[in-house]
Amino acid sequence: MPGPLEGVRILEFTQIIAGPLGCMLLADMGAEIIVVGGGAGSLPIQALARGKRFIELDLKSTEGKAAFEGLV
């Protein structure tokens, strides 16, 4: 059964507990969460990674910017 946020894509750039927690809850409601950067590093952040995908982008490079624009 799809959630109410099915089809919504959210790019997560957060690092403090409140951001990853909020995005985990949005993922539980069906949103596609893509964590940009090294968000899966610390143990508390790993505990909040349910339903998320992770990607590393160098936003200073041309390729990284193009990939980011493709996600948006």
N, C-alpha and C. Protein backbone atom coordinates (compact mmCIF):
# COMPACT_ATOMS: atom_id res chain seq x y z
N MET A 1 0.84 -1.18 0.00
CA MET A 1 0.00 0.00 0.00
C MET A 1 0.89 1.25 0.00
N PRO A 2 0.76 2.11 -1.01
CA PRO A 2 1.58 3.31 -1.06
C PRO A 2 1.20 4.31 0.03
N GLY A 3 2.20 5.05 0.49
CA GLY A 3 1.95 6.06 1.51
C GLY A 3 1.48 7.36 0.88
N PRO A 4 1.08 8.31 1.70
CA PRO A 4 0.56 9.58 1.19
C PRO A 4 1.62 10.43 0.49
N LEU A 5 2.90 10.16 0.73
CA LEU A 5 3.97 10.93 0.10
C LEU A 5 4.62 10.17 -1.05
N GLU A 6 3.98 9.12 -1.54
CA GLU A 6 4.49 8.35 -2.66
C GLU A 6 4.71 9.27 -3.85
N GLY A 7 5.91 9.20 -4.46
CA GLY A 7 6.22 10.05 -5.61
C GLY A 7 6.91 11.35 -5.25
N VAL A 8 7.06 11.65 -3.96
CA VAL A 8 7.74 12.87 -3.51
C VAL A 8 9.21 12.53 -3.27
N ARG A 9 10.12 13.32 -3.84
CA ARG A 9 11.55 13.13 -3.64
C ARG A 9 12.09 14.24 -2.76
N ILE A 10 12.85 13.86 -1.74
CA ILE A 10 13.44 14.81 -0.81
C ILE A 10 14.94 14.58 -0.78
N LEU A 11 15.71 15.66 -0.98
CA LEU A 11 17.16 15.59 -0.85
C LEU A 11 17.51 16.05 0.56
N GLU A 12 18.17 15.18 1.29
CA GLU A 12 18.51 15.47 2.69
C GLU A 12 19.97 15.90 2.79
N PHE A 13 20.19 17.08 3.34
CA PHE A 13 21.54 17.60 3.57
C PHE A 13 21.80 17.79 5.06
N THR A 14 20.98 17.22 5.91
CA THR A 14 21.04 17.47 7.34
C THR A 14 22.10 16.63 8.02
N GLN A 15 22.51 17.06 9.22
CA GLN A 15 23.51 16.33 9.99
C GLN A 15 23.12 16.19 11.46
N ILE A 16 22.29 17.07 11.95
CA ILE A 16 21.88 17.03 13.35
C ILE A 16 20.67 16.11 13.47
N ILE A 17 20.46 15.50 14.61
CA ILE A 17 19.47 14.44 14.81
C ILE A 17 18.07 14.81 14.32
N ALA A 18 17.63 16.03 14.51
CA ALA A 18 16.26 16.40 14.14
C ALA A 18 16.01 16.25 12.64
N GLY A 19 16.97 16.61 11.81
CA GLY A 19 16.81 16.52 10.36
C GLY A 19 16.68 15.08 9.88
N PRO A 20 17.64 14.20 10.22
CA PRO A 20 17.53 12.80 9.82
C PRO A 20 16.29 12.11 10.38
N LEU A 21 15.89 12.46 11.59
CA LEU A 21 14.68 11.87 12.17
C LEU A 21 13.45 12.29 11.37
N GLY A 22 13.34 13.57 11.06
CA GLY A 22 12.20 14.05 10.29
C GLY A 22 12.14 13.41 8.92
N CYS A 23 13.30 13.26 8.27
CA CYS A 23 13.32 12.64 6.95
C CYS A 23 13.01 11.16 7.02
N MET A 24 13.40 10.49 8.10
CA MET A 24 13.05 9.08 8.28
C MET A 24 11.53 8.93 8.37
N LEU A 25 10.90 9.83 9.09
CA LEU A 25 9.44 9.78 9.21
C LEU A 25 8.77 10.04 7.86
N LEU A 26 9.34 10.96 7.07
CA LEU A 26 8.80 11.20 5.73
C LEU A 26 8.98 9.97 4.84
N ALA A 27 10.11 9.27 5.00
CA ALA A 27 10.33 8.02 4.26
C ALA A 27 9.30 6.97 4.66
N ASP A 28 8.97 6.92 5.94
CA ASP A 28 7.95 5.98 6.41
C ASP A 28 6.59 6.25 5.76
N MET A 29 6.36 7.50 5.37
CA MET A 29 5.08 7.87 4.73
C MET A 29 5.15 7.75 3.21
N GLY A 30 6.27 7.22 2.68
CA GLY A 30 6.35 6.93 1.26
C GLY A 30 7.24 7.83 0.44
N ALA A 31 7.83 8.87 1.03
CA ALA A 31 8.70 9.76 0.28
C ALA A 31 10.02 9.07 -0.06
N GLU A 32 10.60 9.45 -1.19
CA GLU A 32 11.92 8.97 -1.58
C GLU A 32 12.94 9.93 -0.97
N ILE A 33 13.76 9.44 -0.05
CA ILE A 33 14.76 10.27 0.62
C ILE A 33 16.12 9.92 0.07
N ILE A 34 16.85 10.92 -0.43
CA ILE A 34 18.21 10.74 -0.90
C ILE A 34 19.11 11.62 -0.05
N VAL A 35 19.98 10.98 0.72
CA VAL A 35 20.90 11.70 1.59
C VAL A 35 22.13 12.05 0.77
N VAL A 36 22.42 13.35 0.65
CA VAL A 36 23.56 13.83 -0.12
C VAL A 36 24.70 14.11 0.85
N GLY A 37 25.82 13.46 0.63
CA GLY A 37 26.98 13.64 1.49
C GLY A 37 27.22 12.40 2.33
N GLY A 38 28.02 12.53 3.35
CA GLY A 38 28.39 11.39 4.19
C GLY A 38 27.49 11.23 5.39
N GLY A 39 26.20 11.28 5.21
CA GLY A 39 25.26 11.25 6.31
C GLY A 39 25.18 9.96 7.08
N ALA A 40 25.74 8.85 6.56
CA ALA A 40 25.60 7.56 7.24
C ALA A 40 26.77 7.27 8.16
N GLY A 41 27.54 8.28 8.55
CA GLY A 41 28.77 8.04 9.30
C GLY A 41 28.59 7.67 10.75
N SER A 42 27.94 8.48 11.54
CA SER A 42 27.88 8.24 12.97
C SER A 42 26.77 7.25 13.32
N LEU A 43 26.92 6.61 14.47
CA LEU A 43 25.95 5.61 14.89
C LEU A 43 24.53 6.17 15.06
N PRO A 44 24.33 7.34 15.69
CA PRO A 44 22.95 7.86 15.78
C PRO A 44 22.34 8.13 14.41
N ILE A 45 23.14 8.58 13.46
CA ILE A 45 22.62 8.85 12.13
C ILE A 45 22.29 7.54 11.42
N GLN A 46 23.11 6.51 11.63
CA GLN A 46 22.82 5.20 11.03
C GLN A 46 21.50 4.64 11.54
N ALA A 47 21.18 4.91 12.78
CA ALA A 47 19.92 4.42 13.35
C ALA A 47 18.72 5.09 12.69
N LEU A 48 18.94 6.24 12.07
CA LEU A 48 17.85 6.99 11.43
C LEU A 48 17.89 6.86 9.91
N ALA A 49 18.58 5.85 9.38
CA ALA A 49 18.77 5.70 7.94
C ALA A 49 17.69 4.85 7.28
N ARG A 50 16.71 4.41 8.02
CA ARG A 50 15.67 3.53 7.48
C ARG A 50 14.95 4.18 6.30
N GLY A 51 14.87 3.46 5.19
CA GLY A 51 14.14 3.92 4.02
C GLY A 51 14.84 4.97 3.18
N LYS A 52 16.15 5.16 3.39
CA LYS A 52 16.87 6.21 2.68
C LYS A 52 17.91 5.61 1.74
N ARG A 53 18.27 6.40 0.73
CA ARG A 53 19.38 6.06 -0.16
C ARG A 53 20.45 7.13 0.04
N PHE A 54 21.70 6.73 -0.15
CA PHE A 54 22.82 7.65 0.10
C PHE A 54 23.61 7.85 -1.17
N ILE A 55 24.06 9.09 -1.38
CA ILE A 55 24.88 9.42 -2.53
C ILE A 55 25.93 10.44 -2.11
N GLU A 56 27.15 10.28 -2.64
CA GLU A 56 28.22 11.24 -2.40
C GLU A 56 28.35 12.11 -3.64
N LEU A 57 28.28 13.41 -3.48
CA LEU A 57 28.45 14.34 -4.59
C LEU A 57 29.46 15.41 -4.22
N ASP A 58 30.33 15.73 -5.16
CA ASP A 58 31.23 16.87 -5.00
C ASP A 58 30.54 18.05 -5.67
N LEU A 59 29.88 18.87 -4.89
CA LEU A 59 29.10 19.98 -5.43
C LEU A 59 29.97 21.11 -5.98
N LYS A 60 31.29 20.99 -5.83
CA LYS A 60 32.19 21.99 -6.40
C LYS A 60 32.61 21.61 -7.82
N SER A 61 32.39 20.36 -8.21
CA SER A 61 32.78 19.90 -9.54
C SER A 61 31.61 20.05 -10.51
N THR A 62 31.93 20.09 -11.79
CA THR A 62 30.91 20.19 -12.83
C THR A 62 30.03 18.95 -12.83
N GLU A 63 30.64 17.77 -12.67
CA GLU A 63 29.89 16.52 -12.67
C GLU A 63 28.94 16.45 -11.47
N GLY A 64 29.44 16.87 -10.31
CA GLY A 64 28.62 16.87 -9.11
C GLY A 64 27.42 17.80 -9.22
N LYS A 65 27.66 18.98 -9.78
CA LYS A 65 26.57 19.94 -9.98
C LYS A 65 25.53 19.39 -10.95
N ALA A 66 26.00 18.75 -12.02
CA ALA A 66 25.08 18.18 -13.01
C ALA A 66 24.25 17.06 -12.38
N ALA A 67 24.89 16.22 -11.57
CA ALA A 67 24.17 15.14 -10.90
C ALA A 67 23.13 15.70 -9.94
N PHE A 68 23.50 16.75 -9.20
CA PHE A 68 22.57 17.39 -8.27
C PHE A 68 21.37 17.96 -9.02
N GLU A 69 21.62 18.66 -10.12
CA GLU A 69 20.52 19.23 -10.90
C GLU A 69 19.62 18.13 -11.45
N GLY A 70 20.20 16.99 -11.80
CA GLY A 70 19.38 15.86 -12.28
C GLY A 70 18.48 15.32 -11.19
N LEU A 71 18.96 15.32 -9.95
CA LEU A 71 18.14 14.84 -8.84
C LEU A 71 17.01 15.79 -8.52
N VAL A 72 17.32 17.08 -8.61
CA VAL A 72 16.29 18.09 -8.30
C VAL A 72 15.27 18.11 -9.40
